[in-house]
Amino acid sequence: MPVTEERQHLYYELIDSLLQCPNGKEPEVLEANVELIDGDLVNTMMQVASGFAHQGNEDGARFLVFIARELSIQLGLYPDLSQISTEPVSEGISEKE
């Protein structure tokens, strides 16, 4: 389902609130806007972060990528790398004779 213009505007407002809030208050801002936390918010954050990076705002870009990653993990959209096997791919594969 495509994101409505109104919801997109709400995402931008939430992102702005996160950028403006005092350090450490981000969880409170997110908690107050829990109805907006979804995969589309994560995508919007990544788009804004990309724009920041292109404009030279590295700190803003890093911050948004960090928040987007954390939300992705909470939403189950980010792979849990601790569950992935670290065995080399070649193990268990028999060679052709």
Protein backbone atom coordinates (compact mmCIF):
# COMPACT_ATOMS: atom_id res chain seq x y z
CA MET A 1 0.00 0.00 0.00
CA PRO A 2 1.53 3.33 -1.01
CA VAL A 3 2.29 5.89 1.67
CA THR A 4 -0.17 8.76 1.67
CA GLU A 5 1.10 12.30 1.38
CA GLU A 6 -0.24 13.02 4.87
CA ARG A 7 1.60 10.03 6.40
CA GLN A 8 4.80 11.00 4.58
CA HIS A 9 4.48 14.47 6.11
CA LEU A 10 4.06 12.89 9.56
CA TYR A 11 7.22 10.83 8.97
CA TYR A 12 9.15 14.00 8.13
CA GLU A 13 7.82 15.71 11.25
CA LEU A 14 8.88 12.73 13.39
CA ILE A 15 12.34 12.71 11.80
CA ASP A 16 12.66 16.44 12.48
CA SER A 17 11.57 15.89 16.10
CA LEU A 18 14.24 13.20 16.49
CA LEU A 19 16.88 15.51 15.04
CA GLN A 20 15.85 18.38 17.34
CA CYS A 21 15.32 16.50 20.60
CA PRO A 22 17.96 16.50 23.35
CA ASN A 23 20.44 13.64 23.24
CA GLY A 24 18.99 10.57 24.95
CA LYS A 25 15.36 11.63 24.55
CA GLU A 26 14.90 9.78 21.22
CA PRO A 27 13.13 6.79 22.81
CA GLU A 28 10.56 9.14 24.33
CA VAL A 29 9.94 10.82 20.96
CA LEU A 30 9.51 7.42 19.30
CA GLU A 31 7.26 6.16 22.09
CA ALA A 32 5.00 9.20 21.64
CA ASN A 33 4.71 8.38 17.92
CA VAL A 34 4.52 4.59 18.02
CA GLU A 35 1.72 4.58 15.41
CA LEU A 36 4.23 5.88 12.83
CA ILE A 37 6.89 3.24 13.43
CA ASP A 38 6.90 0.92 10.44
CA GLY A 39 8.99 -0.09 7.47
CA ASP A 40 7.96 3.00 5.53
CA LEU A 41 9.32 5.23 8.30
CA VAL A 42 12.62 3.32 8.12
CA ASN A 43 12.72 3.82 4.34
CA THR A 44 11.97 7.52 4.73
CA MET A 45 14.73 7.86 7.34
CA MET A 46 17.20 6.21 4.96
CA GLN A 47 16.16 8.56 2.13
CA VAL A 48 16.63 11.60 4.37
CA ALA A 49 19.97 10.21 5.61
CA SER A 50 21.10 9.77 2.00
CA GLY A 51 20.15 13.37 1.26
CA PHE A 52 22.06 14.54 4.33
CA ALA A 53 25.15 12.59 3.26
CA HIS A 54 25.04 14.16 -0.21
CA GLN A 55 24.75 17.62 1.40
CA GLY A 56 27.73 16.99 3.67
CA ASN A 57 25.71 16.54 6.87
CA GLU A 58 27.56 13.38 7.95
CA ASP A 59 26.46 13.57 11.59
CA GLY A 60 22.78 13.84 10.68
CA ALA A 61 23.12 11.00 8.17
CA ARG A 62 24.86 8.72 10.70
CA PHE A 63 22.28 9.51 13.36
CA LEU A 64 19.34 8.66 11.10
CA VAL A 65 20.98 5.47 9.82
CA PHE A 66 21.56 4.40 13.44
CA ILE A 67 17.92 5.05 14.41
CA ALA A 68 16.63 3.38 11.23
CA ARG A 69 18.77 0.32 11.92
CA GLU A 70 17.54 0.06 15.50
CA LEU A 71 13.92 0.37 14.37
CA SER A 72 14.53 -2.22 11.63
CA ILE A 73 15.78 -4.66 14.24
CA GLN A 74 12.76 -4.02 16.48
CA LEU A 75 10.40 -4.46 13.52
CA GLY A 76 12.10 -7.69 12.44
CA LEU A 77 13.26 -6.15 9.16
CA TYR A 78 16.99 -6.41 9.90
CA PRO A 79 18.66 -9.83 9.98
CA ASP A 80 19.88 -11.05 13.34
CA LEU A 81 23.49 -11.69 12.42
CA SER A 82 24.09 -13.63 15.63
CA GLN A 83 21.84 -16.39 14.23
CA ILE A 84 23.84 -16.78 11.02
CA SER A 85 26.40 -19.59 10.88
CA THR A 86 30.00 -18.51 10.73
CA GLU A 87 31.18 -21.78 9.18
CA PRO A 88 32.98 -21.38 5.87
CA VAL A 89 30.70 -22.08 2.93
CA SER A 90 32.98 -24.85 1.67
CA GLU A 91 32.45 -26.97 4.79
CA GLY A 92 29.99 -29.76 4.25
CA ILE A 93 30.27 -29.54 0.46
CA SER A 94 31.85 -32.62 -1.03
CA GLU A 95 34.23 -32.19 -3.92
CA LYS A 96 33.40 -33.78 -7.25
CA GLU A 97 35.64 -36.65 -8.16
